[in-house]
Amino acid sequence: MPTYDFECTHCGHRFSELVAYDKRSEVPCPECGQKGAKALMTGFFVGKSSSSSPCGTGGCPMPTPGACSGGGCGCPF
């Protein structure tokens, strides 16, 4: 099962959840408990990771540190 990023349509809380594709609309917000969180568009990485990537030097290029976990920005972490 893939991990999806969501934003709650009720309280605006953003979170990630491991969920089947056809169950995305049933995911409750961990903050307010309401269903109806919308799946966010996220990037993905195809190819080899490089030690010259920004994360390889300890500095993540994402606005929120750790937001690139899973390799979405080329970061191996």
Protein backbone atom coordinates (compact mmCIF):
# COMPACT_ATOMS: atom_id res chain seq x y z
CA MET A 1 0.00 0.00 0.00
CA PRO A 2 1.26 3.49 -0.78
CA THR A 3 1.53 6.41 1.61
CA TYR A 4 -0.60 9.42 0.69
CA ASP A 5 -0.42 13.00 1.94
CA PHE A 6 -3.76 14.47 2.98
CA GLU A 7 -5.22 17.80 4.04
CA CYS A 8 -8.35 17.80 6.20
CA THR A 9 -11.18 19.77 4.60
CA HIS A 10 -12.58 20.56 8.06
CA CYS A 11 -9.60 21.76 10.11
CA GLY A 12 -6.80 22.08 7.50
CA HIS A 13 -4.46 19.63 9.26
CA ARG A 14 -1.93 17.98 6.91
CA PHE A 15 -0.85 14.39 7.48
CA SER A 16 0.40 11.24 5.76
CA GLU A 17 -1.34 7.89 5.86
CA LEU A 18 -0.61 4.39 4.57
CA VAL A 19 -3.86 3.47 2.81
CA ALA A 20 -5.18 1.57 -0.21
CA TYR A 21 -6.03 3.70 -3.25
CA ASP A 22 -9.74 2.93 -3.11
CA LYS A 23 -9.93 3.79 0.64
CA ARG A 24 -8.49 7.32 0.40
CA SER A 25 -11.89 9.01 0.86
CA GLU A 26 -12.46 7.12 4.12
CA VAL A 27 -9.33 8.33 5.94
CA PRO A 28 -10.19 10.26 9.12
CA CYS A 29 -8.17 13.28 10.19
CA PRO A 30 -5.97 12.39 13.19
CA GLU A 31 -6.47 15.93 14.53
CA CYS A 32 -10.27 16.38 14.43
CA GLY A 33 -11.52 12.88 13.52
CA GLN A 34 -13.61 14.02 10.55
CA LYS A 35 -13.61 12.06 7.29
CA GLY A 36 -13.27 13.80 3.96
CA ALA A 37 -9.59 14.66 3.89
CA LYS A 38 -8.40 15.35 0.36
CA ALA A 39 -5.36 13.63 -1.07
CA LEU A 40 -2.64 16.11 -2.00
CA MET A 41 -0.59 16.06 -5.16
CA THR A 42 2.92 14.95 -4.27
CA GLY A 43 6.04 14.39 -6.27
CA PHE A 44 7.91 11.17 -6.74
CA PHE A 45 11.44 10.16 -7.59
CA VAL A 46 12.37 7.88 -10.45
CA GLY A 47 16.01 7.01 -10.88
CA LYS A 48 19.10 6.61 -8.76
CA SER A 49 19.75 8.57 -5.60
CA SER A 50 22.99 10.53 -5.63
CA SER A 51 25.36 11.44 -2.83
CA SER A 52 25.47 14.91 -4.39
CA SER A 53 21.77 15.50 -3.66
CA PRO A 54 21.03 18.39 -1.27
CA CYS A 55 19.82 15.95 1.40
CA GLY A 56 23.02 13.96 1.15
CA THR A 57 24.86 16.96 2.59
CA GLY A 58 22.45 17.26 5.53
CA GLY A 59 20.41 20.16 4.15
CA CYS A 60 16.95 19.27 2.94
CA PRO A 61 15.64 21.47 0.07
CA MET A 62 12.03 21.08 1.18
CA PRO A 63 10.30 23.98 3.03
CA THR A 64 9.58 21.69 5.99
CA PRO A 65 12.56 19.61 7.13
CA GLY A 66 11.75 15.94 6.76
CA ALA A 67 9.04 16.58 4.14
CA CYS A 68 11.12 14.73 1.58
CA SER A 69 11.12 11.45 3.49
CA GLY A 70 10.61 8.52 1.19
CA GLY A 71 12.78 9.86 -1.61
CA GLY A 72 10.32 12.32 -3.17
CA CYS A 73 13.03 14.97 -3.61
CA GLY A 74 15.87 12.57 -4.32
CA CYS A 75 16.67 12.27 -0.62
CA PRO A 76 17.45 8.68 0.43
CA PHE A 77 15.90 9.21 3.87
